[in-house]
Amino acid sequence: MRNIFFPLVIVILILSLILSIWLTLIQSISLFIVLLGLLLLVSGASHEGGTGITGIPSAAKVSIVWGCILLGLGGALFISSIVQLPWQVPLAVFLLGLLAAILISLKK
């Protein structure tokens, strides 16, 4: 999985740069954070040797936790840059990602 991780980050960066033609700077940065979080989540979930959420190794769990945090942060930035909402909405999106990360990290 490590052999494929770096090229996928490069592909995500290129995709973010291509989409930045239509997006503002904060939107393209937040989209990059969301895509990187998705990549970490997928790479952690597809880690070999794990059977379900309780059987995943610690390295995969760290990847999943960081993926949840980055998804929450990028989603909050993206939402707040597109729609003018009260500050509680992006905070709730970020806290939801943080809560998912905490719950996954507490699983044995």
C-alpha atoms as a PDB file:
ATOM      1  CA  MET A   1       0.000   0.000   0.000  1.00  0.00           C
ATOM      2  CA  ARG A   2       2.916   2.364   0.617  1.00  0.00           C
ATOM      3  CA  ASN A   3       4.025   2.021  -2.997  1.00  0.00           C
ATOM      4  CA  ILE A   4       0.707   3.403  -4.211  1.00  0.00           C
ATOM      5  CA  PHE A   5       0.228   6.100  -1.544  1.00  0.00           C
ATOM      6  CA  PHE A   6       2.651   8.719  -2.919  1.00  0.00           C
ATOM      7  CA  PRO A   7       1.408   8.560  -6.538  1.00  0.00           C
ATOM      8  CA  LEU A   8      -2.162   8.912  -5.294  1.00  0.00           C
ATOM      9  CA  VAL A   9      -1.214  12.054  -3.368  1.00  0.00           C
ATOM     10  CA  ILE A  10       0.299  13.441  -6.572  1.00  0.00           C
ATOM     11  CA  VAL A  11      -2.884  12.588  -8.504  1.00  0.00           C
ATOM     12  CA  ILE A  12      -5.004  14.277  -5.826  1.00  0.00           C
ATOM     13  CA  LEU A  13      -2.785  17.359  -5.948  1.00  0.00           C
ATOM     14  CA  ILE A  14      -3.054  17.537  -9.747  1.00  0.00           C
ATOM     15  CA  LEU A  15      -6.833  17.048  -9.556  1.00  0.00           C
ATOM     16  CA  SER A  16      -7.064  19.844  -6.995  1.00  0.00           C
ATOM     17  CA  LEU A  17      -4.972  22.113  -9.201  1.00  0.00           C
ATOM     18  CA  ILE A  18      -7.172  21.387 -12.224  1.00  0.00           C
ATOM     19  CA  LEU A  19     -10.322  22.061 -10.230  1.00  0.00           C
ATOM     20  CA  SER A  20      -8.823  25.253  -8.828  1.00  0.00           C
ATOM     21  CA  ILE A  21      -9.530  26.886 -12.195  1.00  0.00           C
ATOM     22  CA  TRP A  22     -13.198  27.015 -11.226  1.00  0.00           C
ATOM     23  CA  LEU A  23     -12.777  27.312  -7.464  1.00  0.00           C
ATOM     24  CA  THR A  24     -11.389  29.995  -5.216  1.00  0.00           C
ATOM     25  CA  LEU A  25      -8.149  29.426  -3.326  1.00  0.00           C
ATOM     26  CA  ILE A  26      -9.782  28.430  -0.041  1.00  0.00           C
ATOM     27  CA  GLN A  27     -12.142  26.067  -1.867  1.00  0.00           C
ATOM     28  CA  SER A  28      -9.305  24.345  -3.705  1.00  0.00           C
ATOM     29  CA  ILE A  29      -7.255  24.013  -0.506  1.00  0.00           C
ATOM     30  CA  SER A  30     -10.237  22.593   1.363  1.00  0.00           C
ATOM     31  CA  LEU A  31     -10.962  20.214  -1.520  1.00  0.00           C
ATOM     32  CA  PHE A  32      -7.357  19.004  -1.361  1.00  0.00           C
ATOM     33  CA  ILE A  33      -7.749  18.424   2.393  1.00  0.00           C
ATOM     34  CA  VAL A  34     -10.983  16.483   1.827  1.00  0.00           C
ATOM     35  CA  LEU A  35      -9.443  14.328  -0.908  1.00  0.00           C
ATOM     36  CA  LEU A  36      -6.377  13.654   1.222  1.00  0.00           C
ATOM     37  CA  GLY A  37      -8.638  12.661   4.118  1.00  0.00           C
ATOM     38  CA  LEU A  38     -10.545  10.297   1.846  1.00  0.00           C
ATOM     39  CA  LEU A  39      -7.276   8.797   0.670  1.00  0.00           C
ATOM     40  CA  LEU A  40      -6.149   8.222   4.254  1.00  0.00           C
ATOM     41  CA  LEU A  41      -9.508   6.701   5.156  1.00  0.00           C
ATOM     42  CA  VAL A  42      -9.485   4.337   2.192  1.00  0.00           C
ATOM     43  CA  SER A  43      -5.858   3.341   2.699  1.00  0.00           C
ATOM     44  CA  GLY A  44      -6.488   2.639   6.377  1.00  0.00           C
ATOM     45  CA  ALA A  45      -9.683   0.717   5.717  1.00  0.00           C
ATOM     46  CA  SER A  46      -8.089  -1.420   3.010  1.00  0.00           C
ATOM     47  CA  HIS A  47      -5.103  -2.326   5.180  1.00  0.00           C
ATOM     48  CA  GLU A  48      -4.326  -6.017   5.048  1.00  0.00           C
ATOM     49  CA  GLY A  49      -4.686  -8.131   8.146  1.00  0.00           C
ATOM     50  CA  GLY A  50      -7.755  -6.453   9.598  1.00  0.00           C
ATOM     51  CA  THR A  51     -11.174  -7.978   9.978  1.00  0.00           C
ATOM     52  CA  GLY A  52     -13.662  -5.228  10.644  1.00  0.00           C
ATOM     53  CA  ILE A  53     -13.107  -2.194  12.807  1.00  0.00           C
ATOM     54  CA  THR A  54     -12.079  -4.214  15.861  1.00  0.00           C
ATOM     55  CA  GLY A  55      -9.369  -6.181  14.088  1.00  0.00           C
ATOM     56  CA  ILE A  56      -7.490  -3.397  12.364  1.00  0.00           C
ATOM     57  CA  PRO A  57      -3.819  -2.870  13.146  1.00  0.00           C
ATOM     58  CA  SER A  58      -2.694   0.292  14.881  1.00  0.00           C
ATOM     59  CA  ALA A  59      -1.060   1.776  11.748  1.00  0.00           C
ATOM     60  CA  ALA A  60      -4.314   1.462   9.827  1.00  0.00           C
ATOM     61  CA  LYS A  61      -6.223   2.901  12.771  1.00  0.00           C
ATOM     62  CA  VAL A  62      -3.954   5.970  12.777  1.00  0.00           C
ATOM     63  CA  SER A  63      -4.594   6.410   9.070  1.00  0.00           C
ATOM     64  CA  ILE A  64      -8.356   6.172   9.564  1.00  0.00           C
ATOM     65  CA  VAL A  65      -8.285   8.618  12.490  1.00  0.00           C
ATOM     66  CA  TRP A  66      -6.310  11.203  10.525  1.00  0.00           C
ATOM     67  CA  GLY A  67      -8.612  10.656   7.551  1.00  0.00           C
ATOM     68  CA  CYS A  68     -11.638  11.456   9.722  1.00  0.00           C
ATOM     69  CA  ILE A  69      -9.981  14.574  11.125  1.00  0.00           C
ATOM     70  CA  LEU A  70      -8.978  15.827   7.675  1.00  0.00           C
ATOM     71  CA  LEU A  71     -12.437  15.089   6.272  1.00  0.00           C
ATOM     72  CA  GLY A  72     -14.022  17.096   9.075  1.00  0.00           C
ATOM     73  CA  LEU A  73     -11.607  20.000   8.677  1.00  0.00           C
ATOM     74  CA  GLY A  74     -11.767  20.090   4.886  1.00  0.00           C
ATOM     75  CA  GLY A  75     -15.537  19.700   4.890  1.00  0.00           C
ATOM     76  CA  ALA A  76     -15.924  22.560   7.352  1.00  0.00           C
ATOM     77  CA  LEU A  77     -13.666  24.804   5.262  1.00  0.00           C
ATOM     78  CA  PHE A  78     -15.432  23.854   2.037  1.00  0.00           C
ATOM     79  CA  ILE A  79     -18.912  24.435   3.459  1.00  0.00           C
ATOM     80  CA  SER A  80     -17.971  27.774   4.953  1.00  0.00           C
ATOM     81  CA  SER A  81     -16.375  28.927   1.696  1.00  0.00           C
ATOM     82  CA  ILE A  82     -19.372  28.050  -0.489  1.00  0.00           C
ATOM     83  CA  VAL A  83     -22.414  28.984   1.565  1.00  0.00           C
ATOM     84  CA  GLN A  84     -22.815  31.787   4.076  1.00  0.00           C
ATOM     85  CA  LEU A  85     -23.973  29.838   7.120  1.00  0.00           C
ATOM     86  CA  PRO A  86     -23.740  30.507  10.835  1.00  0.00           C
ATOM     87  CA  TRP A  87     -20.372  29.549  12.325  1.00  0.00           C
ATOM     88  CA  GLN A  88     -21.981  26.642  14.172  1.00  0.00           C
ATOM     89  CA  VAL A  89     -22.493  24.634  10.969  1.00  0.00           C
ATOM     90  CA  PRO A  90     -18.805  24.320   9.942  1.00  0.00           C
ATOM     91  CA  LEU A  91     -17.921  23.768  13.599  1.00  0.00           C
ATOM     92  CA  ALA A  92     -20.445  20.922  13.747  1.00  0.00           C
ATOM     93  CA  VAL A  93     -18.965  19.349  10.609  1.00  0.00           C
ATOM     94  CA  PHE A  94     -15.457  19.528  12.065  1.00  0.00           C
ATOM     95  CA  LEU A  95     -16.604  18.188  15.450  1.00  0.00           C
ATOM     96  CA  LEU A  96     -18.397  15.317  13.709  1.00  0.00           C
ATOM     97  CA  GLY A  97     -15.124  14.299  12.028  1.00  0.00           C
ATOM     98  CA  LEU A  98     -13.302  14.697  15.344  1.00  0.00           C
ATOM     99  CA  LEU A  99     -15.923  12.599  17.138  1.00  0.00           C
ATOM    100  CA  ALA A 100     -15.575   9.845  14.539  1.00  0.00           C
ATOM    101  CA  ALA A 101     -11.804   9.940  14.993  1.00  0.00           C
ATOM    102  CA  ILE A 102     -12.111   9.721  18.771  1.00  0.00           C
ATOM    103  CA  LEU A 103     -14.582   6.830  18.617  1.00  0.00           C
ATOM    104  CA  ILE A 104     -12.387   4.893  16.197  1.00  0.00           C
ATOM    105  CA  SER A 105      -9.267   5.502  18.275  1.00  0.00           C
ATOM    106  CA  LEU A 106     -11.022   4.235  21.410  1.00  0.00           C
ATOM    107  CA  LYS A 107     -11.999   0.939  19.748  1.00  0.00           C
ATOM    108  CA  LYS A 108      -9.783  -1.933  20.818  1.00  0.00           C
END
